[in-house]
Protein backbone atom coordinates (compact mmCIF):
# COMPACT_ATOMS: atom_id res chain seq x y z
CA MET A 1 -13.32 2.97 13.69
CA PRO A 2 -10.58 3.95 16.14
CA GLU A 3 -9.89 7.50 14.94
CA PRO A 4 -13.37 8.99 15.44
CA PHE A 5 -13.79 7.24 18.78
CA LEU A 6 -10.35 8.22 20.06
CA SER A 7 -10.91 11.83 19.07
CA LEU A 8 -13.85 12.04 21.52
CA SER A 9 -13.34 13.56 24.94
CA SER A 10 -12.74 11.17 27.83
CA ALA A 11 -16.26 11.82 29.13
CA ASP A 12 -17.80 11.11 25.71
CA ARG A 13 -15.80 7.87 25.33
CA LYS A 14 -16.97 6.80 28.79
CA GLU A 15 -20.58 7.58 27.86
CA ALA A 16 -20.26 5.67 24.57
CA ARG A 17 -18.85 2.64 26.41
CA ALA A 18 -21.66 2.79 28.98
CA LEU A 19 -24.27 2.87 26.22
CA THR A 20 -22.57 0.01 24.38
CA ALA A 21 -22.26 -1.99 27.61
CA ASP A 22 -25.95 -1.49 28.30
CA ARG A 23 -26.98 -2.58 24.80
CA SER A 24 -24.54 -5.47 24.46
CA GLY A 25 -24.51 -6.77 28.02
CA ARG A 26 -20.69 -6.66 28.06
CA PRO A 27 -18.96 -4.89 30.96
CA ALA A 28 -17.62 -1.42 30.15
CA HIS A 29 -14.12 -2.32 31.38
CA LEU A 30 -13.91 -5.11 28.77
CA LEU A 31 -15.04 -2.71 26.07
CA GLU A 32 -12.29 -0.31 27.14
CA LYS A 33 -9.75 -3.14 26.89
CA ASP A 34 -11.02 -3.90 23.37
CA ASP A 35 -10.57 -0.23 22.42
CA ARG A 36 -6.97 -0.33 23.55
CA VAL A 37 -6.24 -3.61 21.75
CA VAL A 38 -7.66 -2.26 18.48
CA TRP A 39 -5.61 0.93 18.86
CA ALA A 40 -2.41 -1.02 19.59
CA LEU A 41 -2.88 -3.40 16.65
CA GLN A 42 -3.66 -0.56 14.29
CA THR A 43 -0.57 1.32 15.48
CA PHE A 44 1.70 -1.71 15.08
CA PHE A 45 0.41 -2.76 11.67
CA SER A 46 0.40 0.74 10.18
CA SER A 47 4.07 1.25 11.05
CA GLU A 48 7.07 0.06 9.02
CA LEU A 49 7.44 -2.74 11.53
CA GLY A 50 3.96 -3.95 10.58
CA GLU A 51 5.24 -5.36 7.30
CA HIS A 52 7.15 -7.95 9.31
CA LEU A 53 4.51 -8.78 11.91
CA VAL A 54 2.01 -11.61 11.94
CA PHE A 55 -0.98 -11.55 14.24
CA LYS A 56 -2.13 -14.89 15.59
CA GLY A 57 -5.40 -14.63 17.48
CA GLY A 58 -6.82 -17.19 19.77
């Protein structure tokens, strides 16, 4: 999920978030936060350090 989305231009990502916000009823700024969290978690867990990390949600 993150790679195709992150490869979009800034304007296209903004448009995609606006469309998703409209359809889901969630504010676009929260969707942007979710994008960044997914990117950060993917980056951490795909690194060598990821073998030693545990994610606790909640």
